[in-house]
Amino acid sequence: SSSDAAKISIVRRAVGAAADAGADRILLAPDRSSLCERAVDGLHLDAQVESLDVRVHGEAGDTRAAAAAAATADVGALMVLGGDGTCRDAVLGWRDAPLLPVSTGTNNVFPRWLEATVAGTAAALVAGGAVSIGEAARRAKLVELGDGTWDEPDLALVDAVLVQGRFTGSRAVWEPHRLRAAVLAIAEAASVGLSAIGGLLHPVGRGDAGGLALGFDADSTKQVRAPIAPGLFADIGISDVRRLADGDVVELIGPGVLALDGERERVLADDQRVTATIRRTGPHVIDVESTLRAAVARGVFTRGR
């Protein structure tokens, strides 16, 4: 993942570009390392820069709380720096956010590698209304999960994977022989992570309808060699590959641990049944290229004749 210095540089470039593109108010999420504060230190901007009023604990809940606070603060575009897990936390805080995800994490299927300058420009254009969210963004798919007893459905933006184990703190996700089943909203061949397994069997892009269901069996004669982590390849035994349409329901049956976008989140008891459904009810993901093209067509960047 990116170093603190790299993240500070990204935030600094994004904030400066957003202000230059017309943003008059920029809200920063606080963090325990004060990365955002350090990023804007010494910047001279026309925009008003503030910190979101959220308490920081140094855990995933911080991102959820910051996104929820942004949802009530008249924010027109939410830029998230991180990997799949961080993006998921942001969406748990603000389900239909106008989201611009920038990859700085370990698992990076959902966010994109973007130059912060153009990302900040696109965010400001959408937030200020120069380009409408309808022109700039497409609603993302997700895997919606529930068992009828949870207070509210859970979600994964990329993959929901059932692995053998009894503890959320185990490293079972990295042990291929422990994989039992997966439901993928995105399965791209040119990716790294558990969703890459599906991408090398039956690619399903983020713009495609539906997703993919996989069954695993370490003893299967059908094997796929896939990069399950950066620099780490493994041979994965496959027992089933099934293309899913939007709304199709897959049952994931315990015992095991549910890993959602790479994070081990929920322990399932023996015979506990969780439904997983592909739905296009995720955030409105801002496409930088589409946003800038729309702005160019309106002459936003042109001065004089």
Protein backbone atom coordinates (compact mmCIF):
# COMPACT_ATOMS: atom_id res chain seq x y z
CA SER A 1 0.00 0.00 0.00
CA SER A 2 1.03 3.64 -0.38
CA SER A 3 3.27 5.29 2.21
CA ASP A 4 2.10 8.20 4.35
CA ALA A 5 4.26 10.56 2.30
CA ALA A 6 2.62 9.35 -0.92
CA LYS A 7 -0.86 9.77 0.56
CA ILE A 8 -0.03 13.29 1.74
CA SER A 9 1.14 14.14 -1.77
CA ILE A 10 -2.05 12.71 -3.28
CA VAL A 11 -4.28 14.69 -0.93
CA ARG A 12 -2.29 17.88 -1.51
CA ARG A 13 -2.57 17.59 -5.30
CA ALA A 14 -6.25 16.65 -5.18
CA VAL A 15 -7.17 19.52 -2.86
CA GLY A 16 -5.20 22.06 -4.88
CA ALA A 17 -6.77 20.87 -8.14
CA ALA A 18 -10.29 20.88 -6.68
CA ALA A 19 -9.87 24.46 -5.51
CA ASP A 20 -8.49 25.49 -8.89
CA ALA A 21 -11.48 23.85 -10.59
CA GLY A 22 -13.95 25.91 -8.58
CA ALA A 23 -14.60 24.06 -5.32
CA ASP A 24 -15.41 26.67 -2.69
CA ARG A 25 -15.55 24.30 0.30
CA ILE A 26 -13.41 21.22 0.90
CA LEU A 27 -14.04 18.90 3.85
CA LEU A 28 -11.26 16.62 5.06
CA ALA A 29 -11.67 13.45 7.11
CA PRO A 30 -9.49 13.45 10.21
CA ASP A 31 -7.10 10.55 10.85
CA ARG A 32 -4.72 9.54 13.62
CA SER A 33 -1.64 10.48 11.58
CA SER A 34 -3.08 13.89 10.61
CA LEU A 35 -2.32 13.13 6.96
CA CYS A 36 -4.93 15.53 5.58
CA GLU A 37 -3.88 18.35 7.89
CA ARG A 38 -0.26 17.87 6.87
CA ALA A 39 -1.27 17.76 3.20
CA VAL A 40 -2.94 21.18 3.22
CA ASP A 41 -0.38 22.84 5.47
CA GLY A 42 1.03 25.85 3.63
CA LEU A 43 -1.44 25.67 0.73
CA HIS A 44 -2.95 29.02 -0.23
CA LEU A 45 -6.41 28.30 -1.57
CA ASP A 46 -9.49 30.30 -2.46
CA ALA A 47 -11.60 27.42 -1.13
CA GLN A 48 -12.58 27.07 2.52
CA VAL A 49 -10.94 23.95 4.00
CA GLU A 50 -12.54 22.30 7.04
CA SER A 51 -12.33 19.00 8.92
CA LEU A 52 -15.35 16.75 9.29
CA ASP A 53 -16.56 16.60 12.87
CA VAL A 54 -15.97 12.92 13.59
CA ARG A 55 -14.13 11.15 16.39
CA VAL A 56 -11.13 9.10 15.28
CA HIS A 57 -10.39 5.65 16.74
CA GLY A 58 -7.90 4.31 14.19
CA GLU A 59 -10.23 1.63 12.83
CA ALA A 60 -12.56 0.91 9.91
CA GLY A 61 -15.43 2.67 11.67
CA ASP A 62 -13.60 5.99 11.18
CA THR A 63 -14.15 5.80 7.41
CA ARG A 64 -17.80 4.86 7.87
CA ALA A 65 -18.35 7.73 10.29
CA ALA A 66 -16.61 10.23 7.98
CA ALA A 67 -18.71 9.15 5.00
CA ALA A 68 -21.91 9.36 7.05
CA ALA A 69 -20.94 12.86 8.21
CA ALA A 70 -20.22 13.88 4.61
CA ALA A 71 -23.69 12.67 3.59
CA THR A 72 -25.27 15.22 5.91
CA ALA A 73 -22.87 18.07 5.05
CA ASP A 74 -24.07 18.90 1.53
CA VAL A 75 -21.02 17.20 -0.04
CA GLY A 76 -21.25 16.97 -3.83
CA ALA A 77 -18.42 14.47 -4.41
CA LEU A 78 -16.70 12.09 -2.01
CA MET A 79 -13.09 11.16 -2.82
CA VAL A 80 -11.83 8.05 -1.06
CA LEU A 81 -8.17 7.01 -0.94
CA GLY A 82 -7.59 3.34 -0.25
CA GLY A 83 -8.30 -0.17 -1.44
CA ASP A 84 -11.42 -2.27 -1.72
CA GLY A 85 -11.94 -2.49 2.04
CA THR A 86 -11.72 1.27 2.58
CA CYS A 87 -14.16 1.91 -0.26
CA ARG A 88 -16.56 -0.62 1.28
CA ASP A 89 -16.37 1.17 4.62
CA ALA A 90 -17.18 4.48 2.92
CA VAL A 91 -20.21 2.97 1.20
CA LEU A 92 -21.40 1.45 4.48
CA GLY A 93 -21.44 5.02 5.78
CA TRP A 94 -23.06 6.52 2.66
CA ARG A 95 -24.67 3.92 0.38
CA ASP A 96 -25.46 6.12 -2.64
CA ALA A 97 -22.51 8.50 -2.37
CA PRO A 98 -21.20 10.37 -5.45
CA LEU A 99 -17.93 8.50 -5.06
CA LEU A 100 -14.52 9.00 -6.63
CA PRO A 101 -12.34 6.08 -5.43
CA VAL A 102 -8.58 6.47 -5.83
CA SER A 103 -6.42 3.39 -5.35
CA THR A 104 -3.80 3.52 -2.58
CA GLY A 105 -4.52 0.18 -0.87
CA THR A 106 -3.52 -3.47 -1.08
CA ASN A 107 -6.55 -4.93 -2.86
CA ASN A 108 -7.44 -2.48 -5.59
CA VAL A 109 -10.20 -3.88 -7.81
CA PHE A 110 -12.91 -1.32 -7.05
CA PRO A 111 -10.84 1.91 -6.91
CA ARG A 112 -8.80 3.09 -9.88
CA TRP A 113 -5.19 4.22 -10.20
CA LEU A 114 -5.72 7.92 -10.94
CA GLU A 115 -3.50 10.97 -10.96
CA ALA A 116 -4.73 13.03 -8.03
CA THR A 117 -4.69 16.28 -9.99
CA VAL A 118 -7.26 15.12 -12.54
CA ALA A 119 -9.23 13.27 -9.86
CA GLY A 120 -9.53 16.43 -7.77
CA THR A 121 -10.55 18.40 -10.86
CA ALA A 122 -13.29 15.90 -11.73
CA ALA A 123 -14.59 15.86 -8.15
CA ALA A 124 -14.89 19.65 -8.14
CA LEU A 125 -16.66 19.72 -11.52
CA VAL A 126 -19.29 17.28 -10.26
CA ALA A 127 -19.63 18.86 -6.82
CA GLY A 128 -20.06 22.32 -8.33
CA GLY A 129 -22.60 21.21 -10.92
CA ALA A 130 -20.49 21.97 -13.99
CA VAL A 131 -21.06 18.30 -14.89
CA SER A 132 -24.13 16.51 -13.56
CA ILE A 133 -23.84 13.26 -11.63
CA GLY A 134 -25.95 11.64 -14.34
CA GLU A 135 -23.32 12.50 -16.96
CA ALA A 136 -20.30 11.80 -14.77
CA ALA A 137 -21.18 8.61 -12.92
CA ARG A 138 -22.58 5.12 -13.17
CA ARG A 139 -24.22 3.35 -10.27
CA ALA A 140 -22.03 0.52 -9.03
CA LYS A 141 -22.99 -3.08 -8.48
CA LEU A 142 -22.54 -4.73 -5.12
CA VAL A 143 -23.13 -8.04 -3.39
CA GLU A 144 -25.90 -7.60 -0.83
CA LEU A 145 -25.83 -10.08 2.05
CA GLY A 146 -28.23 -10.99 4.82
CA ASP A 147 -29.53 -13.90 6.91
CA GLY A 148 -32.83 -12.48 8.15
CA THR A 149 -31.53 -11.73 11.64
CA TRP A 150 -28.97 -8.98 10.97
CA ASP A 151 -30.06 -5.45 11.83
CA GLU A 152 -29.45 -4.46 8.21
CA PRO A 153 -27.98 -6.11 5.11
CA ASP A 154 -24.22 -6.17 4.72
CA LEU A 155 -22.42 -5.62 1.43
CA ALA A 156 -19.32 -6.21 -0.64
CA LEU A 157 -18.36 -4.02 -3.57
CA VAL A 158 -16.18 -6.69 -5.22
CA ASP A 159 -16.35 -10.11 -3.58
CA ALA A 160 -18.01 -12.02 -0.77
CA VAL A 161 -15.97 -15.14 0.02
CA LEU A 162 -16.74 -17.97 2.46
CA VAL A 163 -13.60 -19.54 3.94
CA GLN A 164 -13.07 -22.29 6.48
CA GLY A 165 -12.36 -20.98 9.95
CA ARG A 166 -13.90 -19.76 13.18
CA PHE A 167 -12.15 -16.45 13.72
CA THR A 168 -12.27 -13.15 11.85
CA GLY A 169 -8.62 -12.52 12.78
CA SER A 170 -7.24 -15.59 11.00
CA ARG A 171 -5.32 -15.38 7.72
CA ALA A 172 -7.55 -17.98 6.04
CA VAL A 173 -8.25 -15.72 3.06
CA TRP A 174 -4.63 -16.13 2.00
CA GLU A 175 -4.79 -19.95 2.26
CA PRO A 176 -6.34 -21.26 -0.98
CA HIS A 177 -7.22 -24.70 0.43
CA ARG A 178 -9.60 -22.99 2.88
CA LEU A 179 -11.73 -21.31 0.19
CA ARG A 180 -15.27 -22.69 0.02
CA ALA A 181 -17.43 -20.37 -2.11
CA ALA A 182 -17.49 -16.85 -3.53
CA VAL A 183 -19.95 -14.40 -5.04
CA LEU A 184 -18.31 -11.75 -7.22
CA ALA A 185 -19.76 -8.45 -8.43
CA ILE A 186 -16.54 -7.77 -10.36
CA ALA A 187 -14.35 -10.49 -11.87
CA GLU A 188 -11.71 -8.87 -14.05
CA ALA A 189 -8.81 -10.83 -15.54
CA ALA A 190 -6.43 -7.87 -15.16
CA SER A 191 -6.78 -7.66 -11.38
CA VAL A 192 -5.19 -9.08 -8.23
CA GLY A 193 -7.08 -10.66 -5.37
CA LEU A 194 -9.72 -13.29 -4.90
CA SER A 195 -11.93 -11.77 -7.59
CA ALA A 196 -9.11 -12.40 -10.07
CA ILE A 197 -9.89 -16.12 -9.75
CA GLY A 198 -13.27 -15.48 -11.34
CA GLY A 199 -11.76 -13.09 -13.87
CA LEU A 200 -9.47 -15.83 -15.18
CA LEU A 201 -12.41 -18.22 -15.53
CA HIS A 202 -15.29 -16.05 -16.75
CA PRO A 203 -14.65 -12.29 -16.77
CA VAL A 204 -17.45 -10.01 -15.56
CA GLY A 205 -16.66 -6.28 -15.73
CA ARG A 206 -17.92 -3.56 -13.44
CA GLY A 207 -20.15 -2.30 -16.25
CA ASP A 208 -21.60 -5.73 -17.02
CA ALA A 209 -24.89 -6.85 -15.54
CA GLY A 210 -24.82 -9.52 -12.85
CA GLY A 211 -21.82 -11.32 -11.43
CA LEU A 212 -20.27 -14.73 -10.84
CA ALA A 213 -20.63 -17.52 -8.28
CA LEU A 214 -17.71 -19.88 -7.61
CA GLY A 215 -17.40 -23.12 -5.70
CA PHE A 216 -13.97 -24.29 -4.51
CA ASP A 217 -12.54 -27.75 -3.91
CA ALA A 218 -8.82 -28.18 -3.29
CA ASP A 219 -9.01 -31.75 -4.66
CA SER A 220 -10.77 -30.81 -7.90
CA THR A 221 -9.12 -31.77 -11.18
CA LYS A 222 -10.05 -28.32 -12.51
CA GLN A 223 -7.47 -25.80 -11.36
CA VAL A 224 -6.84 -22.14 -12.15
CA ARG A 225 -3.59 -20.35 -11.36
CA ALA A 226 -4.37 -16.85 -10.16
CA PRO A 227 -2.67 -13.91 -8.38
CA ILE A 228 -4.57 -13.92 -5.08
CA ALA A 229 -2.41 -11.12 -3.63
CA PRO A 230 0.30 -8.82 -4.99
CA GLY A 231 3.18 -11.08 -6.03
CA LEU A 232 1.45 -14.23 -4.75
CA PHE A 233 0.14 -16.84 -7.22
CA ALA A 234 -1.74 -19.97 -6.20
CA ASP A 235 -3.38 -22.96 -7.85
CA ILE A 236 -7.08 -22.92 -6.96
CA GLY A 237 -9.33 -25.99 -7.23
CA ILE A 238 -12.68 -25.12 -8.83
CA SER A 239 -15.86 -27.17 -8.36
CA ASP A 240 -18.39 -24.77 -9.87
CA VAL A 241 -18.57 -21.61 -12.00
CA ARG A 242 -21.96 -19.97 -12.49
CA ARG A 243 -22.85 -16.71 -14.20
CA LEU A 244 -25.33 -14.65 -12.19
CA ALA A 245 -27.92 -12.17 -13.40
CA ASP A 246 -28.91 -9.12 -11.37
CA GLY A 247 -31.17 -10.31 -8.58
CA ASP A 248 -30.03 -13.95 -8.58
CA VAL A 249 -29.68 -15.32 -5.05
CA VAL A 250 -26.81 -17.54 -3.87
CA GLU A 251 -26.77 -19.23 -0.47
CA LEU A 252 -23.54 -19.30 1.51
CA ILE A 253 -23.81 -21.93 4.25
CA GLY A 254 -21.71 -22.08 7.41
CA PRO A 255 -19.61 -22.95 9.20
CA GLY A 256 -16.96 -20.51 8.09
CA VAL A 257 -15.93 -16.89 7.94
CA LEU A 258 -17.28 -14.36 5.45
CA ALA A 259 -14.55 -12.20 3.94
CA LEU A 260 -16.01 -9.08 2.34
CA ASP A 261 -13.73 -7.19 -0.06
CA GLY A 262 -10.72 -8.88 1.48
CA GLU A 263 -11.65 -8.23 5.11
CA ARG A 264 -12.75 -11.13 7.36
CA GLU A 265 -15.95 -9.73 8.79
CA ARG A 266 -18.49 -12.33 9.98
CA VAL A 267 -18.31 -15.81 11.52
CA LEU A 268 -21.07 -18.15 10.34
CA ALA A 269 -22.26 -20.91 12.66
CA ASP A 270 -22.89 -24.48 11.53
CA ASP A 271 -25.69 -24.50 8.92
CA GLN A 272 -26.16 -20.73 9.16
CA ARG A 273 -27.42 -19.56 5.77
CA VAL A 274 -26.59 -16.16 4.28
CA THR A 275 -28.08 -15.00 1.00
CA ALA A 276 -25.87 -13.12 -1.46
CA THR A 277 -27.47 -11.13 -4.28
CA ILE A 278 -25.96 -8.98 -7.03
CA ARG A 279 -27.70 -5.60 -7.13
CA ARG A 280 -26.86 -2.31 -8.86
CA THR A 281 -27.66 -0.27 -5.77
CA GLY A 282 -24.17 0.87 -4.85
CA PRO A 283 -22.59 4.33 -4.95
CA HIS A 284 -22.60 6.59 -8.00
CA VAL A 285 -19.00 6.13 -9.12
CA ILE A 286 -17.59 9.20 -10.88
CA ASP A 287 -15.70 8.43 -14.08
CA VAL A 288 -12.90 10.97 -14.45
CA GLU A 289 -12.58 10.69 -18.24
CA SER A 290 -16.34 11.10 -18.85
CA THR A 291 -16.44 14.04 -16.46
CA LEU A 292 -13.57 15.88 -18.11
CA ARG A 293 -14.93 15.21 -21.61
CA ALA A 294 -18.30 16.70 -20.65
CA ALA A 295 -16.57 19.74 -19.19
CA VAL A 296 -14.44 20.17 -22.32
CA ALA A 297 -17.58 20.07 -24.49
CA ARG A 298 -18.92 23.02 -22.48
CA GLY A 299 -15.73 25.01 -22.77
CA VAL A 300 -15.10 24.92 -19.04
CA PHE A 301 -11.33 25.08 -19.46
CA THR A 302 -11.23 27.56 -22.34
CA ARG A 303 -10.50 31.27 -21.87
CA GLY A 304 -10.98 33.97 -24.50
CA ARG A 305 -11.68 33.37 -28.19
